[in-house]
Amino acid sequence: MTKIQTIDTPENWSAASQGYARRVAPYMMETYAEEFVNRLDVQNHHEALEVACGSGALTTELAKHAKSV
Protein backbone atom coordinates (compact mmCIF):
# COMPACT_ATOMS: atom_id res chain seq x y z
CA MET A 1 0.00 0.00 0.00
CA THR A 2 1.35 3.44 -0.95
CA LYS A 3 1.39 6.05 1.77
CA ILE A 4 -0.04 9.36 0.62
CA GLN A 5 2.09 12.28 1.69
CA THR A 6 0.03 14.90 3.44
CA ILE A 7 0.52 18.59 2.97
CA ASP A 8 -1.38 19.37 6.17
CA THR A 9 1.64 19.86 8.42
CA PRO A 10 2.52 22.55 10.97
CA GLU A 11 5.41 23.66 8.78
CA ASN A 12 3.18 24.15 5.75
CA TRP A 13 0.53 26.01 7.75
CA SER A 14 3.23 28.24 9.21
CA ALA A 15 4.61 29.04 5.77
CA ALA A 16 1.12 29.75 4.42
CA SER A 17 0.21 32.06 7.29
CA GLN A 18 3.47 33.98 6.97
CA GLY A 19 2.86 34.40 3.25
CA TYR A 20 -0.67 35.62 3.94
CA ALA A 21 0.58 38.16 6.49
CA ARG A 22 3.26 39.46 4.11
CA ARG A 23 1.45 39.38 0.78
CA VAL A 24 -2.32 39.36 1.24
CA ALA A 25 -3.13 41.22 4.44
CA PRO A 26 -1.31 44.45 3.60
CA TYR A 27 -3.26 44.85 0.37
CA MET A 28 -6.66 43.49 1.35
CA MET A 29 -6.99 44.03 5.09
CA GLU A 30 -5.33 47.34 5.90
CA THR A 31 -7.92 49.47 4.07
CA TYR A 32 -10.71 47.42 5.60
CA ALA A 33 -9.18 47.74 9.09
CA GLU A 34 -8.83 51.52 8.78
CA GLU A 35 -12.46 51.91 7.69
CA PHE A 36 -13.65 49.51 10.41
CA VAL A 37 -11.87 51.41 13.19
CA ASN A 38 -13.14 54.73 11.83
CA ARG A 39 -16.71 53.43 11.90
CA LEU A 40 -16.24 52.25 15.48
CA ASP A 41 -15.21 55.79 16.40
CA VAL A 42 -12.35 54.55 18.59
CA GLN A 43 -11.05 57.33 20.84
CA ASN A 44 -7.67 57.69 22.55
CA HIS A 45 -9.23 56.91 25.96
CA HIS A 46 -10.75 53.59 24.77
CA GLU A 47 -9.27 50.20 25.55
CA ALA A 48 -9.73 47.38 23.05
CA LEU A 49 -9.54 43.61 23.25
CA GLU A 50 -9.11 41.82 19.97
CA VAL A 51 -9.57 38.07 19.80
CA ALA A 52 -8.33 35.84 16.96
CA CYS A 53 -6.11 38.61 15.57
CA GLY A 54 -5.11 36.86 12.37
CA SER A 55 -2.60 38.96 10.47
CA GLY A 56 -2.75 41.77 13.03
CA ALA A 57 -3.97 44.36 10.51
CA LEU A 58 -6.91 45.36 12.72
CA THR A 59 -4.75 45.28 15.85
CA THR A 60 -2.26 47.65 14.26
CA GLU A 61 -5.00 50.07 13.26
CA LEU A 62 -6.68 49.90 16.67
CA ALA A 63 -3.36 50.69 18.34
CA LYS A 64 -3.17 53.96 16.41
CA HIS A 65 -6.42 55.17 17.96
CA ALA A 66 -7.02 53.42 21.30
CA LYS A 67 -5.38 53.93 24.68
CA SER A 68 -4.44 50.24 24.74
CA VAL A 69 -5.09 47.08 22.76
PDB file of N, CA and C in Angstrom:
ATOM      1  N   MET A   1       0.842  -1.171   0.000  1.00  0.00           N
ATOM      2  CA  MET A   1       0.000   0.000   0.000  1.00  0.00           C
ATOM      3  C   MET A   1       0.895   1.245   0.000  1.00  0.00           C
ATOM      4  N   THR A   2       0.577   2.214  -0.843  1.00  0.00           N
ATOM      5  CA  THR A   2       1.351   3.436  -0.947  1.00  0.00           C
ATOM      6  C   THR A   2       0.834   4.453   0.062  1.00  0.00           C
ATOM      7  N   LYS A   3       1.766   5.023   0.805  1.00  0.00           N
ATOM      8  CA  LYS A   3       1.389   6.045   1.771  1.00  0.00           C
ATOM      9  C   LYS A   3       1.293   7.392   1.047  1.00  0.00           C
ATOM     10  N   ILE A   4       0.165   8.059   1.226  1.00  0.00           N
ATOM     11  CA  ILE A   4      -0.042   9.365   0.618  1.00  0.00           C
ATOM     12  C   ILE A   4       0.588  10.413   1.522  1.00  0.00           C
ATOM     13  N   GLN A   5       1.438  11.226   0.927  1.00  0.00           N
ATOM     14  CA  GLN A   5       2.088  12.280   1.685  1.00  0.00           C
ATOM     15  C   GLN A   5       1.110  13.424   1.906  1.00  0.00           C
ATOM     16  N   THR A   6       0.964  13.828   3.126  1.00  0.00           N
ATOM     17  CA  THR A   6       0.030  14.895   3.443  1.00  0.00           C
ATOM     18  C   THR A   6       0.725  16.255   3.387  1.00  0.00           C
ATOM     19  N   ILE A   7      -0.014  17.244   2.973  1.00  0.00           N
ATOM     20  CA  ILE A   7       0.523  18.592   2.971  1.00  0.00           C
ATOM     21  C   ILE A   7       0.024  19.376   4.186  1.00  0.00           C
ATOM     22  N   ASP A   8      -0.809  18.734   4.987  1.00  0.00           N
ATOM     23  CA  ASP A   8      -1.382  19.367   6.170  1.00  0.00           C
ATOM     24  C   ASP A   8      -0.440  19.174   7.353  1.00  0.00           C
ATOM     25  N   THR A   9       0.637  19.953   7.361  1.00  0.00           N
ATOM     26  CA  THR A   9       1.640  19.863   8.416  1.00  0.00           C
ATOM     27  C   THR A   9       1.794  21.227   9.088  1.00  0.00           C
ATOM     28  N   PRO A  10       2.277  21.260  10.317  1.00  0.00           N
ATOM     29  CA  PRO A  10       2.516  22.547  10.973  1.00  0.00           C
ATOM     30  C   PRO A  10       3.456  23.452  10.178  1.00  0.00           C
ATOM     31  N   GLU A  11       4.443  22.868   9.560  1.00  0.00           N
ATOM     32  CA  GLU A  11       5.408  23.660   8.780  1.00  0.00           C
ATOM     33  C   GLU A  11       4.725  24.330   7.580  1.00  0.00           C
ATOM     34  N   ASN A  12       3.874  23.586   6.905  1.00  0.00           N
ATOM     35  CA  ASN A  12       3.178  24.149   5.750  1.00  0.00           C
ATOM     36  C   ASN A  12       2.172  25.230   6.161  1.00  0.00           C
ATOM     37  N   TRP A  13       1.473  24.993   7.263  1.00  0.00           N
ATOM     38  CA  TRP A  13       0.528  26.005   7.748  1.00  0.00           C
ATOM     39  C   TRP A  13       1.275  27.254   8.173  1.00  0.00           C
ATOM     40  N   SER A  14       2.421  27.095   8.796  1.00  0.00           N
ATOM     41  CA  SER A  14       3.230  28.241   9.212  1.00  0.00           C
ATOM     42  C   SER A  14       3.685  29.047   8.003  1.00  0.00           C
ATOM     43  N   ALA A  15       4.164  28.355   6.986  1.00  0.00           N
ATOM     44  CA  ALA A  15       4.611  29.040   5.765  1.00  0.00           C
ATOM     45  C   ALA A  15       3.450  29.762   5.094  1.00  0.00           C
ATOM     46  N   ALA A  16       2.289  29.127   5.054  1.00  0.00           N
ATOM     47  CA  ALA A  16       1.120  29.747   4.419  1.00  0.00           C
ATOM     48  C   ALA A  16       0.677  30.988   5.189  1.00  0.00           C
ATOM     49  N   SER A  17       0.655  30.909   6.507  1.00  0.00           N
ATOM     50  CA  SER A  17       0.206  32.062   7.291  1.00  0.00           C
ATOM     51  C   SER A  17       1.193  33.217   7.198  1.00  0.00           C
ATOM     52  N   GLN A  18       2.473  32.916   7.130  1.00  0.00           N
ATOM     53  CA  GLN A  18       3.469  33.975   6.972  1.00  0.00           C
ATOM     54  C   GLN A  18       3.326  34.641   5.607  1.00  0.00           C
ATOM     55  N   GLY A  19       3.081  33.845   4.589  1.00  0.00           N
ATOM     56  CA  GLY A  19       2.862  34.397   3.254  1.00  0.00           C
ATOM     57  C   GLY A  19       1.624  35.269   3.207  1.00  0.00           C
ATOM     58  N   TYR A  20       0.569  34.834   3.869  1.00  0.00           N
ATOM     59  CA  TYR A  20      -0.666  35.623   3.937  1.00  0.00           C
ATOM     60  C   TYR A  20      -0.403  36.970   4.610  1.00  0.00           C
ATOM     61  N   ALA A  21       0.303  36.929   5.748  1.00  0.00           N
ATOM     62  CA  ALA A  21       0.575  38.160   6.493  1.00  0.00           C
ATOM     63  C   ALA A  21       1.441  39.127   5.700  1.00  0.00           C
ATOM     64  N   ARG A  22       2.357  38.608   4.893  1.00  0.00           N
ATOM     65  CA  ARG A  22       3.258  39.464   4.114  1.00  0.00           C
ATOM     66  C   ARG A  22       2.649  39.938   2.803  1.00  0.00           C
ATOM     67  N   ARG A  23       1.879  39.079   2.145  1.00  0.00           N
ATOM     68  CA  ARG A  23       1.450  39.385   0.777  1.00  0.00           C
ATOM     69  C   ARG A  23      -0.019  39.744   0.626  1.00  0.00           C
ATOM     70  N   VAL A  24      -0.882  39.142   1.415  1.00  0.00           N
ATOM     71  CA  VAL A  24      -2.324  39.356   1.241  1.00  0.00           C
ATOM     72  C   VAL A  24      -2.850  40.436   2.184  1.00  0.00           C
ATOM     73  N   ALA A  25      -2.573  40.302   3.446  1.00  0.00           N
ATOM     74  CA  ALA A  25      -3.130  41.219   4.444  1.00  0.00           C
ATOM     75  C   ALA A  25      -2.812  42.682   4.177  1.00  0.00           C
ATOM     76  N   PRO A  26      -1.580  43.024   3.824  1.00  0.00           N
ATOM     77  CA  PRO A  26      -1.311  44.451   3.600  1.00  0.00           C
ATOM     78  C   PRO A  26      -2.168  45.059   2.501  1.00  0.00           C
ATOM     79  N   TYR A  27      -2.496  44.310   1.490  1.00  0.00           N
ATOM     80  CA  TYR A  27      -3.258  44.846   0.367  1.00  0.00           C
ATOM     81  C   TYR A  27      -4.763  44.747   0.564  1.00  0.00           C
ATOM     82  N   MET A  28      -5.218  43.707   1.221  1.00  0.00           N
ATOM     83  CA  MET A  28      -6.656  43.486   1.351  1.00  0.00           C
ATOM     84  C   MET A  28      -7.208  43.940   2.692  1.00  0.00           C
ATOM     85  N   MET A  29      -6.443  43.808   3.760  1.00  0.00           N
ATOM     86  CA  MET A  29      -6.994  44.028   5.085  1.00  0.00           C
ATOM     87  C   MET A  29      -6.735  45.416   5.655  1.00  0.00           C
ATOM     88  N   GLU A  30      -5.659  46.064   5.279  1.00  0.00           N
ATOM     89  CA  GLU A  30      -5.335  47.344   5.898  1.00  0.00           C
ATOM     90  C   GLU A  30      -6.391  48.410   5.615  1.00  0.00           C
ATOM     91  N   THR A  31      -6.876  48.499   4.399  1.00  0.00           N
ATOM     92  CA  THR A  31      -7.921  49.473   4.069  1.00  0.00           C
ATOM     93  C   THR A  31      -9.199  49.142   4.819  1.00  0.00           C
ATOM     94  N   TYR A  32      -9.526  47.870   4.868  1.00  0.00           N
ATOM     95  CA  TYR A  32     -10.715  47.421   5.605  1.00  0.00           C
ATOM     96  C   TYR A  32     -10.567  47.762   7.082  1.00  0.00           C
ATOM     97  N   ALA A  33      -9.402  47.499   7.663  1.00  0.00           N
ATOM     98  CA  ALA A  33      -9.182  47.742   9.085  1.00  0.00           C
ATOM     99  C   ALA A  33      -9.303  49.225   9.407  1.00  0.00           C
ATOM    100  N   GLU A  34      -8.745  50.075   8.561  1.00  0.00           N
ATOM    101  CA  GLU A  34      -8.828  51.519   8.777  1.00  0.00           C
ATOM    102  C   GLU A  34     -10.287  51.982   8.764  1.00  0.00           C
ATOM    103  N   GLU A  35     -11.047  51.539   7.787  1.00  0.00           N
ATOM    104  CA  GLU A  35     -12.461  51.907   7.694  1.00  0.00           C
ATOM    105  C   GLU A  35     -13.252  51.365   8.883  1.00  0.00           C
ATOM    106  N   PHE A  36     -12.955  50.147   9.278  1.00  0.00           N
ATOM    107  CA  PHE A  36     -13.649  49.512  10.409  1.00  0.00           C
ATOM    108  C   PHE A  36     -13.428  50.306  11.695  1.00  0.00           C
ATOM    109  N   VAL A  37     -12.181  50.660  11.972  1.00  0.00           N
ATOM    110  CA  VAL A  37     -11.867  51.413  13.188  1.00  0.00           C
ATOM    111  C   VAL A  37     -12.498  52.804  13.128  1.00  0.00           C
ATOM    112  N   ASN A  38     -12.495  53.423  11.968  1.00  0.00           N
ATOM    113  CA  ASN A  38     -13.141  54.733  11.831  1.00  0.00           C
ATOM    114  C   ASN A  38     -14.629  54.648  12.116  1.00  0.00           C
ATOM    115  N   ARG A  39     -15.272  53.598  11.653  1.00  0.00           N
ATOM    116  CA  ARG A  39     -16.712  53.430  11.901  1.00  0.00           C
ATOM    117  C   ARG A  39     -17.004  53.134  13.370  1.00  0.00           C
ATOM    118  N   LEU A  40     -16.059  52.507  14.050  1.00  0.00           N
ATOM    119  CA  LEU A  40     -16.239  52.249  15.479  1.00  0.00           C
ATOM    120  C   LEU A  40     -16.075  53.517  16.307  1.00  0.00           C
ATOM    121  N   ASP A  41     -15.488  54.538  15.716  1.00  0.00           N
ATOM    122  CA  ASP A  41     -15.210  55.795  16.403  1.00  0.00           C
ATOM    123  C   ASP A  41     -14.361  55.551  17.655  1.00  0.00           C
ATOM    124  N   VAL A  42     -13.267  54.844  17.485  1.00  0.00           N
ATOM    125  CA  VAL A  42     -12.355  54.551  18.592  1.00  0.00           C
ATOM    126  C   VAL A  42     -11.645  55.837  18.999  1.00  0.00           C
ATOM    127  N   GLN A  43     -11.658  56.121  20.287  1.00  0.00           N
ATOM    128  CA  GLN A  43     -11.046  57.330  20.838  1.00  0.00           C
ATOM    129  C   GLN A  43      -9.783  56.969  21.624  1.00  0.00           C
ATOM    130  N   ASN A  44      -8.941  57.963  21.881  1.00  0.00           N
ATOM    131  CA  ASN A  44      -7.666  57.689  22.549  1.00  0.00           C
ATOM    132  C   ASN A  44      -7.817  57.308  24.019  1.00  0.00           C
ATOM    133  N   HIS A  45      -9.016  57.372  24.580  1.00  0.00           N
ATOM    134  CA  HIS A  45      -9.234  56.913  25.957  1.00  0.00           C
ATOM    135  C   HIS A  45      -9.863  55.511  26.002  1.00  0.00           C
ATOM    136  N   HIS A  46     -10.166  54.925  24.849  1.00  0.00           N
ATOM    137  CA  HIS A  46     -10.754  53.586  24.774  1.00  0.00           C
ATOM    138  C   HIS A  46      -9.682  52.507  24.922  1.00  0.00           C
ATOM    139  N   GLU A  47     -10.101  51.392  25.494  1.00  0.00           N
ATOM    140  CA  GLU A  47      -9.267  50.199  25.553  1.00  0.00           C
ATOM    141  C   GLU A  47      -9.946  49.133  24.704  1.00  0.00           C
ATOM    142  N   ALA A  48      -9.159  48.379  23.954  1.00  0.00           N
ATOM    143  CA  ALA A  48      -9.726  47.380  23.046  1.00  0.00           C
ATOM    144  C   ALA A  48      -9.148  46.005  23.340  1.00  0.00           C
ATOM    145  N   LEU A  49      -9.976  45.006  23.160  1.00  0.00           N
ATOM    146  CA  LEU A  49      -9.543  43.615  23.253  1.00  0.00           C
ATOM    147  C   LEU A  49      -9.891  42.958  21.924  1.00  0.00           C
ATOM    148  N   GLU A  50      -8.881  42.511  21.235  1.00  0.00           N
ATOM    149  CA  GLU A  50      -9.107  41.822  19.967  1.00  0.00           C
ATOM    150  C   GLU A  50      -8.808  40.350  20.154  1.00  0.00           C
ATOM    151  N   VAL A  51      -9.709  39.516  19.675  1.00  0.00           N
ATOM    152  CA  VAL A  51      -9.571  38.065  19.798  1.00  0.00           C
ATOM    153  C   VAL A  51      -9.433  37.476  18.392  1.00  0.00           C
ATOM    154  N   ALA A  52      -8.579  36.476  18.253  1.00  0.00           N
ATOM    155  CA  ALA A  52      -8.328  35.845  16.957  1.00  0.00           C
ATOM    156  C   ALA A  52      -7.810  36.886  15.973  1.00  0.00           C
ATOM    157  N   CYS A  53      -6.663  37.440  16.268  1.00  0.00           N
ATOM    158  CA  CYS A  53      -6.111  38.613  15.573  1.00  0.00           C
ATOM    159  C   CYS A  53      -5.661  38.372  14.146  1.00  0.00           C
ATOM    160  N   GLY A  54      -5.502  37.132  13.750  1.00  0.00           N
ATOM    161  CA  GLY A  54      -5.112  36.855  12.375  1.00  0.00           C
ATOM    162  C   GLY A  54      -3.799  37.518  12.005  1.00  0.00           C
ATOM    163  N   SER A  55      -3.823  38.316  10.953  1.00  0.00           N
ATOM    164  CA  SER A  55      -2.599  38.964  10.474  1.00  0.00           C
ATOM    165  C   SER A  55      -2.176  40.135  11.355  1.00  0.00           C
ATOM    166  N   GLY A  56      -3.067  40.623  12.184  1.00  0.00           N
ATOM    167  CA  GLY A  56      -2.754  41.773  13.026  1.00  0.00           C
ATOM    168  C   GLY A  56      -3.072  43.108  12.381  1.00  0.00           C
ATOM    169  N   ALA A  57      -3.654  43.109  11.196  1.00  0.00           N
ATOM    170  CA  ALA A  57      -3.970  44.363  10.511  1.00  0.00           C
ATOM    171  C   ALA A  57      -4.941  45.217  11.323  1.00  0.00           C
ATOM    172  N   LEU A  58      -5.960  44.605  11.903  1.00  0.00           N
ATOM    173  CA  LEU A  58      -6.907  45.356  12.718  1.00  0.00           C
ATOM    174  C   LEU A  58      -6.255  45.798  14.022  1.00  0.00           C
ATOM    175  N   THR A  59      -5.452  44.939  14.611  1.00  0.00           N
ATOM    176  CA  THR A  59      -4.747  45.282  15.853  1.00  0.00           C
ATOM    177  C   THR A  59      -3.872  46.512  15.649  1.00  0.00           C
ATOM    178  N   THR A  60      -3.146  46.532  14.564  1.00  0.00           N
ATOM    179  CA  THR A  60      -2.261  47.648  14.262  1.00  0.00           C
ATOM    180  C   THR A  60      -3.047  48.945  14.121  1.00  0.00           C
ATOM    181  N   GLU A  61      -4.177  48.883  13.439  1.00  0.00           N
ATOM    182  CA  GLU A  61      -5.000  50.075  13.257  1.00  0.00           C
ATOM    183  C   GLU A  61      -5.638  50.507  14.565  1.00  0.00           C
ATOM    184  N   LEU A  62      -6.109  49.567  15.367  1.00  0.00           N
ATOM    185  CA  LEU A  62      -6.675  49.899  16.674  1.00  0.00           C
ATOM    186  C   LEU A  62      -5.642  50.600  17.558  1.00  0.00           C
ATOM    187  N   ALA A  63      -4.417  50.127  17.503  1.00  0.00           N
ATOM    188  CA  ALA A  63      -3.360  50.690  18.338  1.00  0.00           C
ATOM    189  C   ALA A  63      -3.069  52.149  18.006  1.00  0.00           C
ATOM    190  N   LYS A  64      -3.366  52.559  16.792  1.00  0.00           N
ATOM    191  CA  LYS A  64      -3.166  53.964  16.409  1.00  0.00           C
ATOM    192  C   LYS A  64      -4.181  54.884  17.054  1.00  0.00           C
ATOM    193  N   HIS A  65      -5.318  54.344  17.484  1.00  0.00           N
ATOM    194  CA  HIS A  65      -6.422  55.171  17.960  1.00  0.00           C
ATOM    195  C   HIS A  65      -6.760  54.951  19.433  1.00  0.00           C
ATOM    196  N   ALA A  66      -6.588  53.755  19.950  1.00  0.00           N
ATOM    197  CA  ALA A  66      -7.022  53.419  21.296  1.00  0.00           C
ATOM    198  C   ALA A  66      -5.919  53.679  22.330  1.00  0.00           C
ATOM    199  N   LYS A  67      -6.333  53.788  23.572  1.00  0.00           N
ATOM    200  CA  LYS A  67      -5.381  53.934  24.678  1.00  0.00           C
ATOM    201  C   LYS A  67      -4.522  52.686  24.802  1.00  0.00           C
ATOM    202  N   SER A  68      -5.177  51.517  24.694  1.00  0.00           N
ATOM    203  CA  SER A  68      -4.444  50.243  24.738  1.00  0.00           C
ATOM    204  C   SER A  68      -5.218  49.189  23.986  1.00  0.00           C
ATOM    205  N   VAL A  69      -4.490  48.217  23.483  1.00  0.00           N
ATOM    206  CA  VAL A  69      -5.090  47.085  22.765  1.00  0.00           C
ATOM    207  C   VAL A  69      -4.570  45.825  23.408  1.00  0.00           C
TER     208      VAL A  69
END
